[in-house]
N, C-alpha and C. Protein backbone atom coordinates (compact mmCIF):
# COMPACT_ATOMS: atom_id res chain seq x y z
N GLN A 1 -161.14 105.52 -142.95
CA GLN A 1 -162.00 106.77 -142.23
C GLN A 1 -161.14 107.08 -140.85
N VAL A 2 -160.64 107.84 -140.98
CA VAL A 2 -159.83 107.79 -139.15
C VAL A 2 -161.23 108.92 -138.37
N GLN A 3 -161.06 108.39 -137.11
CA GLN A 3 -162.78 108.61 -136.53
C GLN A 3 -161.52 108.84 -134.90
N LEU A 4 -161.70 109.34 -134.41
CA LEU A 4 -161.54 109.80 -132.36
C LEU A 4 -163.07 110.23 -132.60
N VAL A 5 -163.54 109.37 -130.95
CA VAL A 5 -164.05 109.37 -130.42
C VAL A 5 -163.69 109.52 -128.64
N GLU A 6 -163.85 110.80 -128.05
CA GLU A 6 -163.51 110.75 -126.78
C GLU A 6 -164.44 110.44 -125.71
N SER A 7 -164.39 110.07 -124.58
CA SER A 7 -165.75 110.51 -123.47
C SER A 7 -164.62 110.34 -122.24
N GLY A 8 -165.46 110.56 -121.15
CA GLY A 8 -165.14 110.49 -119.57
C GLY A 8 -165.39 112.13 -119.01
N GLY A 9 -166.14 113.26 -119.61
CA GLY A 9 -165.84 114.64 -119.63
C GLY A 9 -167.17 114.27 -118.83
N GLU A 10 -167.55 115.53 -117.71
CA GLU A 10 -168.23 115.39 -116.60
C GLU A 10 -168.25 116.57 -115.71
N MET A 11 -169.06 116.66 -114.88
CA MET A 11 -169.14 117.89 -113.86
C MET A 11 -168.10 117.57 -112.39
N VAL A 12 -167.38 117.59 -112.49
CA VAL A 12 -166.36 117.72 -111.06
C VAL A 12 -166.55 118.57 -110.20
N GLN A 13 -165.93 118.32 -108.71
CA GLN A 13 -165.79 119.84 -107.91
C GLN A 13 -164.12 119.75 -108.11
N PRO A 14 -164.24 120.60 -107.89
CA PRO A 14 -162.31 121.89 -107.55
C PRO A 14 -161.78 120.58 -106.44
N GLY A 15 -160.52 120.62 -107.70
CA GLY A 15 -159.76 119.35 -106.44
C GLY A 15 -160.10 118.28 -106.89
N GLY A 16 -161.60 117.45 -107.19
CA GLY A 16 -161.25 115.92 -108.32
C GLY A 16 -160.74 115.60 -109.20
N SER A 17 -160.91 114.93 -109.42
CA SER A 17 -159.98 113.71 -110.07
C SER A 17 -160.90 113.57 -111.89
N LEU A 18 -160.97 113.07 -113.02
CA LEU A 18 -160.92 112.83 -114.50
C LEU A 18 -160.18 111.96 -114.97
N ARG A 19 -161.04 110.70 -115.77
CA ARG A 19 -160.00 110.29 -117.09
C ARG A 19 -160.57 110.24 -118.32
N LEU A 20 -159.89 110.84 -118.92
CA LEU A 20 -160.19 111.26 -120.31
C LEU A 20 -159.81 109.63 -121.26
N THR A 21 -160.61 109.56 -121.83
CA THR A 21 -160.11 108.48 -123.07
C THR A 21 -160.53 109.21 -124.57
N CYS A 22 -160.01 108.08 -125.29
CA CYS A 22 -159.98 108.71 -126.57
C CYS A 22 -159.76 107.00 -127.79
N VAL A 23 -160.46 106.80 -128.13
CA VAL A 23 -160.20 105.97 -129.04
C VAL A 23 -160.26 105.65 -130.59
N ALA A 24 -159.15 105.32 -131.58
CA ALA A 24 -158.96 106.40 -132.28
C ALA A 24 -159.44 104.66 -133.59
N SER A 25 -159.89 104.99 -134.53
CA SER A 25 -160.40 104.30 -135.43
C SER A 25 -159.97 104.23 -136.93
N GLY A 26 -159.35 103.39 -137.65
CA GLY A 26 -159.26 103.35 -139.01
C GLY A 26 -157.90 104.15 -139.68
N ILE A 27 -156.22 104.03 -138.32
CA ILE A 27 -155.48 104.87 -138.40
C ILE A 27 -154.41 103.66 -137.81
N ILE A 28 -153.18 103.30 -137.99
CA ILE A 28 -151.78 102.34 -137.60
C ILE A 28 -151.94 103.51 -136.78
N PHE A 29 -152.62 103.41 -135.02
CA PHE A 29 -152.04 104.22 -133.74
C PHE A 29 -150.50 104.08 -133.43
N ARG A 30 -150.62 103.56 -133.61
CA ARG A 30 -148.91 104.03 -132.71
C ARG A 30 -147.55 104.67 -133.67
N ILE A 31 -148.00 104.59 -134.66
CA ILE A 31 -146.93 105.95 -135.48
C ILE A 31 -146.63 107.25 -135.70
N SER A 32 -147.88 107.86 -134.74
CA SER A 32 -147.88 109.29 -134.68
C SER A 32 -148.16 109.78 -133.26
N THR A 33 -147.88 111.11 -133.01
CA THR A 33 -148.49 111.67 -131.89
C THR A 33 -149.73 112.10 -131.96
N THR A 34 -150.63 111.84 -130.71
CA THR A 34 -151.65 112.06 -130.46
C THR A 34 -151.94 112.95 -129.14
N GLY A 35 -152.57 113.23 -128.65
CA GLY A 35 -152.48 114.50 -127.68
C GLY A 35 -154.08 115.03 -127.38
N TRP A 36 -153.87 115.97 -126.26
CA TRP A 36 -155.45 116.17 -126.17
C TRP A 36 -155.20 117.61 -126.00
N TYR A 37 -156.09 118.44 -126.88
CA TYR A 37 -156.71 120.16 -126.35
C TYR A 37 -157.74 120.45 -126.02
N ARG A 38 -157.72 121.79 -125.54
CA ARG A 38 -158.59 121.82 -124.70
C ARG A 38 -159.13 123.62 -125.52
N GLN A 39 -160.61 123.92 -125.10
CA GLN A 39 -161.12 125.18 -126.12
C GLN A 39 -162.12 125.25 -124.78
N SER A 40 -162.02 126.59 -124.20
CA SER A 40 -163.28 127.30 -123.64
C SER A 40 -163.77 128.33 -124.23
N PRO A 41 -164.91 128.67 -123.39
CA PRO A 41 -165.88 129.46 -124.47
C PRO A 41 -164.68 131.48 -124.42
N GLY A 42 -164.61 131.98 -125.64
CA GLY A 42 -164.30 133.09 -125.77
C GLY A 42 -162.49 133.35 -125.97
N LYS A 43 -161.91 132.09 -125.57
CA LYS A 43 -160.93 131.13 -125.76
C LYS A 43 -160.12 130.45 -126.88
N LEU A 44 -159.06 130.61 -127.91
CA LEU A 44 -158.35 129.67 -128.91
C LEU A 44 -158.28 128.30 -127.78
N ARG A 45 -158.30 127.88 -128.61
CA ARG A 45 -157.57 126.17 -128.54
C ARG A 45 -155.93 126.06 -128.69
N GLU A 46 -156.13 125.08 -127.36
CA GLU A 46 -155.02 125.09 -126.64
C GLU A 46 -154.38 123.66 -126.46
N LEU A 47 -153.21 123.48 -126.49
CA LEU A 47 -152.57 122.16 -126.68
C LEU A 47 -152.21 122.38 -124.72
N VAL A 48 -153.06 121.09 -124.43
CA VAL A 48 -153.15 120.08 -123.01
C VAL A 48 -151.17 119.01 -123.04
N ALA A 49 -151.62 118.40 -123.26
CA ALA A 49 -150.75 117.33 -123.37
C ALA A 49 -150.77 116.93 -124.68
N GLU A 50 -149.90 116.20 -124.94
CA GLU A 50 -149.52 115.23 -125.96
C GLU A 50 -148.60 114.12 -125.74
N ILE A 51 -147.93 113.03 -126.73
CA ILE A 51 -147.41 111.66 -126.70
C ILE A 51 -146.83 111.93 -127.81
N THR A 52 -145.33 111.43 -128.16
CA THR A 52 -144.81 110.73 -129.07
C THR A 52 -145.25 109.53 -129.40
N SER A 53 -145.13 109.03 -130.85
CA SER A 53 -144.69 107.69 -131.22
C SER A 53 -144.00 107.03 -129.90
N GLY A 54 -142.84 107.56 -129.68
CA GLY A 54 -141.57 106.68 -128.92
C GLY A 54 -141.94 107.16 -127.30
N TYR A 55 -143.39 107.82 -127.11
CA TYR A 55 -143.97 107.54 -125.99
C TYR A 55 -143.14 108.91 -124.79
N ARG A 56 -142.90 110.27 -125.80
CA ARG A 56 -142.30 111.45 -125.21
C ARG A 56 -143.35 112.56 -124.88
N THR A 57 -143.65 112.50 -123.36
CA THR A 57 -144.59 113.69 -123.17
C THR A 57 -144.33 114.90 -123.06
N ASN A 58 -144.91 116.51 -123.55
CA ASN A 58 -144.95 117.47 -123.38
C ASN A 58 -147.13 117.97 -122.52
N TYR A 59 -146.20 118.89 -122.19
CA TYR A 59 -147.68 119.34 -121.24
C TYR A 59 -147.77 120.79 -121.29
N ALA A 60 -149.14 121.22 -120.79
CA ALA A 60 -149.34 122.74 -121.27
C ALA A 60 -148.55 123.19 -119.59
N ASP A 61 -147.32 124.21 -119.48
CA ASP A 61 -147.45 124.38 -118.20
C ASP A 61 -148.40 124.91 -117.05
N SER A 62 -149.27 125.03 -117.61
CA SER A 62 -150.66 125.47 -116.36
C SER A 62 -151.50 123.74 -115.82
N VAL A 63 -150.84 122.46 -116.32
CA VAL A 63 -151.34 121.59 -116.66
C VAL A 63 -149.99 120.62 -115.62
N LYS A 64 -148.65 121.19 -115.92
CA LYS A 64 -147.78 119.82 -115.34
C LYS A 64 -147.81 119.81 -113.79
N GLY A 65 -147.60 118.75 -113.62
CA GLY A 65 -147.41 117.89 -111.93
C GLY A 65 -149.60 117.96 -111.78
N ARG A 66 -150.29 118.01 -112.73
CA ARG A 66 -151.77 117.83 -112.61
C ARG A 66 -152.30 116.22 -113.22
N PHE A 67 -151.67 116.57 -114.35
CA PHE A 67 -152.11 115.76 -115.44
C PHE A 67 -151.11 114.96 -115.87
N THR A 68 -151.66 113.85 -116.25
CA THR A 68 -150.91 112.34 -117.10
C THR A 68 -151.62 112.22 -118.37
N ILE A 69 -150.92 111.96 -119.19
CA ILE A 69 -151.11 111.32 -120.49
C ILE A 69 -150.38 110.48 -120.91
N SER A 70 -151.28 109.54 -121.31
CA SER A 70 -150.35 108.13 -121.56
C SER A 70 -151.45 107.65 -122.43
N ARG A 71 -150.43 106.61 -123.46
CA ARG A 71 -151.45 105.87 -124.50
C ARG A 71 -150.73 104.06 -124.77
N ASP A 72 -152.35 103.39 -124.83
CA ASP A 72 -151.86 102.25 -125.33
C ASP A 72 -152.04 101.77 -126.94
N ASN A 73 -150.85 101.66 -127.33
CA ASN A 73 -151.15 101.38 -128.68
C ASN A 73 -152.04 100.01 -129.08
N ALA A 74 -152.00 98.83 -128.47
CA ALA A 74 -152.80 97.31 -128.90
C ALA A 74 -154.01 98.18 -129.08
N LYS A 75 -154.61 98.85 -127.72
CA LYS A 75 -156.27 99.55 -127.94
C LYS A 75 -156.58 101.07 -128.83
N ASN A 76 -155.63 101.27 -129.51
CA ASN A 76 -155.75 102.34 -129.97
C ASN A 76 -156.53 103.29 -128.86
N THR A 77 -156.12 103.48 -128.23
CA THR A 77 -156.12 104.57 -126.87
C THR A 77 -155.31 106.09 -126.34
N VAL A 78 -156.01 106.64 -125.89
CA VAL A 78 -154.99 107.83 -124.82
C VAL A 78 -155.72 108.29 -124.49
N TYR A 79 -155.42 108.46 -123.14
CA TYR A 79 -155.82 108.82 -121.94
C TYR A 79 -155.44 110.34 -121.61
N LEU A 80 -155.42 111.03 -120.66
CA LEU A 80 -155.49 111.99 -120.15
C LEU A 80 -156.13 112.03 -118.36
N GLN A 81 -155.12 111.59 -117.51
CA GLN A 81 -155.53 111.79 -116.01
C GLN A 81 -155.73 113.02 -115.53
N MET A 82 -156.71 113.33 -115.30
CA MET A 82 -156.19 114.67 -115.13
C MET A 82 -156.99 115.17 -112.99
N ASN A 83 -156.38 115.11 -112.39
CA ASN A 83 -156.48 115.08 -110.35
C ASN A 83 -156.00 116.97 -110.42
N SER A 84 -156.48 117.01 -109.36
CA SER A 84 -156.58 118.04 -108.64
C SER A 84 -156.78 119.89 -109.95
N LEU A 85 -158.54 119.34 -110.18
CA LEU A 85 -158.92 120.41 -110.67
C LEU A 85 -159.37 121.59 -110.93
N LYS A 86 -159.09 122.07 -111.28
CA LYS A 86 -160.10 123.46 -111.15
C LYS A 86 -160.92 124.30 -111.97
N PRO A 87 -161.28 124.88 -111.75
CA PRO A 87 -162.68 125.60 -112.07
C PRO A 87 -162.14 126.32 -113.69
N GLU A 88 -161.04 126.85 -114.09
CA GLU A 88 -160.23 127.18 -115.14
C GLU A 88 -159.90 125.83 -115.97
N ASP A 89 -160.00 124.63 -115.46
CA ASP A 89 -159.74 123.52 -116.41
C ASP A 89 -161.12 123.22 -116.97
N THR A 90 -161.92 124.15 -116.76
CA THR A 90 -163.35 123.37 -117.92
C THR A 90 -163.06 124.30 -118.90
N ALA A 91 -163.70 123.37 -119.76
CA ALA A 91 -163.50 122.94 -121.59
C ALA A 91 -163.70 122.13 -121.85
N VAL A 92 -163.58 122.21 -123.14
CA VAL A 92 -164.20 120.53 -124.13
C VAL A 92 -162.83 120.44 -124.37
N TYR A 93 -162.88 118.79 -124.32
CA TYR A 93 -161.63 118.11 -124.43
C TYR A 93 -161.43 117.70 -125.51
N TYR A 94 -160.38 117.96 -126.77
CA TYR A 94 -160.16 117.07 -127.81
C TYR A 94 -159.36 116.28 -127.90
N CYS A 95 -159.44 115.25 -128.23
CA CYS A 95 -158.07 114.02 -128.86
C CYS A 95 -157.89 114.93 -130.38
N LYS A 96 -156.43 114.80 -130.58
CA LYS A 96 -155.96 114.57 -131.94
C LYS A 96 -154.96 114.18 -132.31
N TYR A 97 -154.91 113.47 -133.53
CA TYR A 97 -154.25 112.60 -133.68
C TYR A 97 -153.89 113.00 -134.77
N GLY A 98 -151.94 112.73 -135.12
CA GLY A 98 -150.87 113.43 -136.36
C GLY A 98 -151.35 115.31 -136.39
N ALA A 99 -151.17 115.17 -137.85
CA ALA A 99 -151.71 116.91 -138.14
C ALA A 99 -153.07 117.04 -138.03
N THR A 100 -153.26 116.34 -138.42
CA THR A 100 -154.93 117.19 -139.01
C THR A 100 -156.44 116.16 -138.21
N ASN A 101 -156.12 115.33 -137.51
CA ASN A 101 -157.48 114.46 -137.02
C ASN A 101 -158.19 115.17 -135.89
N TRP A 102 -159.15 114.73 -135.12
CA TRP A 102 -159.97 115.43 -134.17
C TRP A 102 -161.14 115.33 -134.38
N GLY A 103 -160.97 114.28 -132.98
CA GLY A 103 -162.30 113.90 -132.40
C GLY A 103 -163.64 115.23 -132.19
N LYS A 104 -164.90 115.07 -131.68
CA LYS A 104 -165.34 115.75 -131.32
C LYS A 104 -165.75 116.97 -130.26
N GLY A 105 -165.34 116.23 -129.17
CA GLY A 105 -164.61 116.91 -127.64
C GLY A 105 -165.39 116.42 -127.33
N THR A 106 -165.52 116.01 -125.61
CA THR A 106 -165.98 116.25 -124.48
C THR A 106 -165.76 116.58 -123.37
N LEU A 107 -167.14 117.48 -122.51
CA LEU A 107 -166.82 118.64 -121.72
C LEU A 107 -166.54 118.01 -120.52
N VAL A 108 -165.66 118.99 -120.04
CA VAL A 108 -164.69 119.29 -118.38
C VAL A 108 -165.90 120.41 -117.63
N THR A 109 -166.18 120.48 -116.95
CA THR A 109 -167.09 121.22 -116.16
C THR A 109 -166.16 120.87 -114.81
N VAL A 110 -165.66 122.32 -113.53
CA VAL A 110 -165.02 122.14 -112.94
C VAL A 110 -165.60 123.10 -112.47
N SER A 111 -166.67 122.56 -110.91
CA SER A 111 -167.28 124.06 -110.27
C SER A 111 -167.97 122.86 -108.68
N SER A 112 -167.97 123.93 -108.25
CA SER A 112 -168.68 123.24 -106.83
C SER A 112 -170.34 124.01 -107.01
């Protein structure tokens, strides 16, 4: 059974940094794309960043230059380093693996 567990979400001031972590189990982690999505109240869930099995990355325009996605296949883990955070980054951040596997999310709040 696939399980994705996110952590690292918390409240931070504008301009601050956070690192989100997602640990996967029940899968051969290295063979598929994994990534981060986010959803804020009243909005659709949107892609933040993804990384393929070959380490190619893709970012939403709104986070390019501020966020960095990485993966450690030996630890079945994907990370999202978030710098220069803005209030509009406030959302629940979800880890995704492959086409259909989702974590339960971790809340990031950017506020002064």
